[in-house]
Amino acid sequence: MGNPVEREIEVQTRESKRQRADAPRSPGVAIRLTVGLVIVGALTIVGMALFRPDFRERSANLEPGMTRTQVEEKLGPPAITLRRSGGRGETSAWVDQLWQVTVHFDTDGRLEYYQLTPSDSVFRRTTAWVMTLL
């Protein structure tokens, strides 16, 4: 390998291998990868929507006078809890991709009333848009 021609060939071979390793993949691979990721994402969203009971179903069993513990047994831990002004108790909110449940507790920690409203989520807006196309 002391020959200058052999050294030059070796250098060119290394550079050629490096260039191939750095070369971008063909567009077909990128397209297949993107399509695959979109399909996996769509299936995940559909699975979440179909197989998870939403807050509308779980909040149907809420009744005035229930304790915070009883409410959390039905809905899980709240996303946020805020004190109401004037020492009138607390308000807690539970949110998922479809619904928001806002529960107002009195000073004794018992449910006074609750509100169920549609969530303003990307998922809800997207599903509503898709339904208009069908």
C-alpha atoms as a PDB file:
ATOM      1  CA  MET A   1       0.000   0.000   0.000  1.00  0.00           C
ATOM      2  CA  GLY A   2       2.982   2.251  -0.274  1.00  0.00           C
ATOM      3  CA  ASN A   3       2.043   2.904  -3.883  1.00  0.00           C
ATOM      4  CA  PRO A   4       0.534   6.399  -4.374  1.00  0.00           C
ATOM      5  CA  VAL A   5      -2.058   5.044  -6.808  1.00  0.00           C
ATOM      6  CA  GLU A   6      -3.299   2.489  -4.253  1.00  0.00           C
ATOM      7  CA  ARG A   7      -3.519   5.198  -1.578  1.00  0.00           C
ATOM      8  CA  GLU A   8      -5.509   7.427  -3.918  1.00  0.00           C
ATOM      9  CA  ILE A   9      -7.909   4.569  -4.708  1.00  0.00           C
ATOM     10  CA  GLU A  10      -8.355   3.876  -0.987  1.00  0.00           C
ATOM     11  CA  VAL A  11      -9.088   7.557  -0.265  1.00  0.00           C
ATOM     12  CA  GLN A  12     -11.605   7.726  -3.100  1.00  0.00           C
ATOM     13  CA  THR A  13     -13.291   4.525  -1.882  1.00  0.00           C
ATOM     14  CA  ARG A  14     -13.665   5.943   1.655  1.00  0.00           C
ATOM     15  CA  GLU A  15     -15.081   9.212   0.307  1.00  0.00           C
ATOM     16  CA  SER A  16     -17.515   7.344  -1.913  1.00  0.00           C
ATOM     17  CA  LYS A  17     -18.776   5.272   1.044  1.00  0.00           C
ATOM     18  CA  ARG A  18     -19.153   8.411   3.170  1.00  0.00           C
ATOM     19  CA  GLN A  19     -21.123  10.158   0.421  1.00  0.00           C
ATOM     20  CA  ARG A  20     -23.483   7.188   0.077  1.00  0.00           C
ATOM     21  CA  ALA A  21     -24.063   7.127   3.834  1.00  0.00           C
ATOM     22  CA  ASP A  22     -24.849  10.863   3.809  1.00  0.00           C
ATOM     23  CA  ALA A  23     -27.058  10.674   0.728  1.00  0.00           C
ATOM     24  CA  PRO A  24     -30.764  11.337   1.330  1.00  0.00           C
ATOM     25  CA  ARG A  25     -33.121   8.400   1.129  1.00  0.00           C
ATOM     26  CA  SER A  26     -35.295   7.974  -1.886  1.00  0.00           C
ATOM     27  CA  PRO A  27     -38.613   9.873  -1.833  1.00  0.00           C
ATOM     28  CA  GLY A  28     -40.521   6.575  -1.851  1.00  0.00           C
ATOM     29  CA  VAL A  29     -39.186   5.665   1.594  1.00  0.00           C
ATOM     30  CA  ALA A  30     -40.156   9.049   3.030  1.00  0.00           C
ATOM     31  CA  ILE A  31     -43.655   8.829   1.563  1.00  0.00           C
ATOM     32  CA  ARG A  32     -44.209   5.300   2.897  1.00  0.00           C
ATOM     33  CA  LEU A  33     -42.953   6.335   6.321  1.00  0.00           C
ATOM     34  CA  THR A  34     -45.245   9.390   6.386  1.00  0.00           C
ATOM     35  CA  VAL A  35     -48.285   7.396   5.270  1.00  0.00           C
ATOM     36  CA  GLY A  36     -47.537   4.741   7.883  1.00  0.00           C
ATOM     37  CA  LEU A  37     -47.277   7.324  10.662  1.00  0.00           C
ATOM     38  CA  VAL A  38     -50.552   8.957   9.595  1.00  0.00           C
ATOM     39  CA  ILE A  39     -52.325   5.589   9.633  1.00  0.00           C
ATOM     40  CA  VAL A  40     -50.948   4.703  13.074  1.00  0.00           C
ATOM     41  CA  GLY A  41     -51.971   8.126  14.408  1.00  0.00           C
ATOM     42  CA  ALA A  42     -55.488   7.830  12.984  1.00  0.00           C
ATOM     43  CA  LEU A  43     -55.946   4.345  14.437  1.00  0.00           C
ATOM     44  CA  THR A  44     -54.754   5.576  17.833  1.00  0.00           C
ATOM     45  CA  ILE A  45     -57.254   8.441  17.833  1.00  0.00           C
ATOM     46  CA  VAL A  46     -60.113   6.182  16.743  1.00  0.00           C
ATOM     47  CA  GLY A  47     -59.188   3.652  19.418  1.00  0.00           C
ATOM     48  CA  MET A  48     -59.162   6.326  22.104  1.00  0.00           C
ATOM     49  CA  ALA A  49     -62.577   7.566  21.029  1.00  0.00           C
ATOM     50  CA  LEU A  50     -64.227   4.169  20.717  1.00  0.00           C
ATOM     51  CA  PHE A  51     -62.873   2.226  23.651  1.00  0.00           C
ATOM     52  CA  ARG A  52     -62.642   4.791  26.417  1.00  0.00           C
ATOM     53  CA  PRO A  53     -65.777   5.786  28.310  1.00  0.00           C
ATOM     54  CA  ASP A  54     -66.090   9.534  28.075  1.00  0.00           C
ATOM     55  CA  PHE A  55     -67.003  12.007  30.773  1.00  0.00           C
ATOM     56  CA  ARG A  56     -70.563  12.281  29.476  1.00  0.00           C
ATOM     57  CA  GLU A  57     -71.219   8.656  30.429  1.00  0.00           C
ATOM     58  CA  ARG A  58     -69.320   8.805  33.711  1.00  0.00           C
ATOM     59  CA  SER A  59     -70.839  12.113  34.823  1.00  0.00           C
ATOM     60  CA  ALA A  60     -74.400  10.832  34.318  1.00  0.00           C
ATOM     61  CA  ASN A  61     -74.196   9.261  37.802  1.00  0.00           C
ATOM     62  CA  LEU A  62     -73.203  12.463  39.612  1.00  0.00           C
ATOM     63  CA  GLU A  63     -75.736  13.735  42.136  1.00  0.00           C
ATOM     64  CA  PRO A  64     -75.907  16.793  44.397  1.00  0.00           C
ATOM     65  CA  GLY A  65     -74.543  16.052  47.859  1.00  0.00           C
ATOM     66  CA  MET A  66     -71.836  13.632  46.703  1.00  0.00           C
ATOM     67  CA  THR A  67     -68.463  14.111  48.377  1.00  0.00           C
ATOM     68  CA  ARG A  68     -65.333  15.045  46.451  1.00  0.00           C
ATOM     69  CA  THR A  69     -64.050  11.483  47.005  1.00  0.00           C
ATOM     70  CA  GLN A  70     -67.205   9.990  45.471  1.00  0.00           C
ATOM     71  CA  VAL A  71     -66.934  12.306  42.463  1.00  0.00           C
ATOM     72  CA  GLU A  72     -63.253  11.421  41.984  1.00  0.00           C
ATOM     73  CA  GLU A  73     -64.120   7.712  42.131  1.00  0.00           C
ATOM     74  CA  LYS A  74     -66.370   8.237  39.105  1.00  0.00           C
ATOM     75  CA  LEU A  75     -64.247  10.725  37.137  1.00  0.00           C
ATOM     76  CA  GLY A  76     -60.688  10.275  38.404  1.00  0.00           C
ATOM     77  CA  PRO A  77     -58.514  13.162  39.591  1.00  0.00           C
ATOM     78  CA  PRO A  78     -59.480  16.604  38.256  1.00  0.00           C
ATOM     79  CA  ALA A  79     -57.365  18.499  35.753  1.00  0.00           C
ATOM     80  CA  ILE A  80     -57.669  21.652  37.868  1.00  0.00           C
ATOM     81  CA  THR A  81     -59.267  22.803  41.130  1.00  0.00           C
ATOM     82  CA  LEU A  82     -59.890  26.453  41.954  1.00  0.00           C
ATOM     83  CA  ARG A  83     -61.233  28.155  45.083  1.00  0.00           C
ATOM     84  CA  ARG A  84     -64.399  30.124  44.497  1.00  0.00           C
ATOM     85  CA  SER A  85     -64.479  33.752  45.586  1.00  0.00           C
ATOM     86  CA  GLY A  86     -66.087  34.662  48.877  1.00  0.00           C
ATOM     87  CA  GLY A  87     -65.199  31.334  50.495  1.00  0.00           C
ATOM     88  CA  ARG A  88     -68.050  29.567  48.671  1.00  0.00           C
ATOM     89  CA  GLY A  89     -66.179  26.304  48.126  1.00  0.00           C
ATOM     90  CA  GLU A  90     -64.240  25.037  45.124  1.00  0.00           C
ATOM     91  CA  THR A  91     -64.692  24.347  41.440  1.00  0.00           C
ATOM     92  CA  SER A  92     -62.958  21.379  39.805  1.00  0.00           C
ATOM     93  CA  ALA A  93     -62.743  20.537  36.119  1.00  0.00           C
ATOM     94  CA  TRP A  94     -62.251  17.246  34.297  1.00  0.00           C
ATOM     95  CA  VAL A  95     -61.391  17.402  30.598  1.00  0.00           C
ATOM     96  CA  ASP A  96     -60.959  14.809  27.868  1.00  0.00           C
ATOM     97  CA  GLN A  97     -60.967  15.002  24.058  1.00  0.00           C
ATOM     98  CA  LEU A  98     -64.763  15.138  23.862  1.00  0.00           C
ATOM     99  CA  TRP A  99     -66.183  16.603  27.078  1.00  0.00           C
ATOM    100  CA  GLN A 100     -65.471  18.914  29.979  1.00  0.00           C
ATOM    101  CA  VAL A 101     -67.157  18.403  33.347  1.00  0.00           C
ATOM    102  CA  THR A 102     -67.096  21.338  35.759  1.00  0.00           C
ATOM    103  CA  VAL A 103     -68.135  20.450  39.307  1.00  0.00           C
ATOM    104  CA  HIS A 104     -68.938  23.065  41.938  1.00  0.00           C
ATOM    105  CA  PHE A 105     -68.413  21.941  45.545  1.00  0.00           C
ATOM    106  CA  ASP A 106     -69.798  23.760  48.582  1.00  0.00           C
ATOM    107  CA  THR A 107     -67.751  24.689  51.659  1.00  0.00           C
ATOM    108  CA  ASP A 108     -68.281  21.173  53.066  1.00  0.00           C
ATOM    109  CA  GLY A 109     -66.777  19.610  49.930  1.00  0.00           C
ATOM    110  CA  ARG A 110     -70.105  18.315  48.618  1.00  0.00           C
ATOM    111  CA  LEU A 111     -71.285  18.594  45.034  1.00  0.00           C
ATOM    112  CA  GLU A 112     -73.656  21.553  44.560  1.00  0.00           C
ATOM    113  CA  TYR A 113     -74.069  21.248  40.791  1.00  0.00           C
ATOM    114  CA  TYR A 114     -72.098  20.316  37.703  1.00  0.00           C
ATOM    115  CA  GLN A 115     -71.952  21.344  34.065  1.00  0.00           C
ATOM    116  CA  LEU A 116     -71.160  19.132  31.087  1.00  0.00           C
ATOM    117  CA  THR A 117     -69.935  20.960  27.979  1.00  0.00           C
ATOM    118  CA  PRO A 118     -68.262  19.822  24.752  1.00  0.00           C
ATOM    119  CA  SER A 119     -64.477  20.210  24.810  1.00  0.00           C
ATOM    120  CA  ASP A 120     -62.935  22.623  22.351  1.00  0.00           C
ATOM    121  CA  SER A 121     -60.322  20.082  21.293  1.00  0.00           C
ATOM    122  CA  VAL A 122     -58.647  19.421  17.964  1.00  0.00           C
ATOM    123  CA  PHE A 123     -60.063  15.889  18.095  1.00  0.00           C
ATOM    124  CA  ARG A 124     -63.669  17.111  18.499  1.00  0.00           C
ATOM    125  CA  ARG A 125     -63.282  19.737  15.768  1.00  0.00           C
ATOM    126  CA  THR A 126     -61.689  17.198  13.412  1.00  0.00           C
ATOM    127  CA  THR A 127     -64.360  14.550  13.976  1.00  0.00           C
ATOM    128  CA  ALA A 128     -67.095  17.168  13.491  1.00  0.00           C
ATOM    129  CA  TRP A 129     -65.459  18.244  10.222  1.00  0.00           C
ATOM    130  CA  VAL A 130     -65.140  14.630   9.017  1.00  0.00           C
ATOM    131  CA  MET A 131     -68.805  13.982   9.842  1.00  0.00           C
ATOM    132  CA  THR A 132     -69.828  16.905   7.615  1.00  0.00           C
ATOM    133  CA  LEU A 133     -67.981  15.234   4.742  1.00  0.00           C
ATOM    134  CA  LEU A 134     -69.875  11.953   5.083  1.00  0.00           C
END
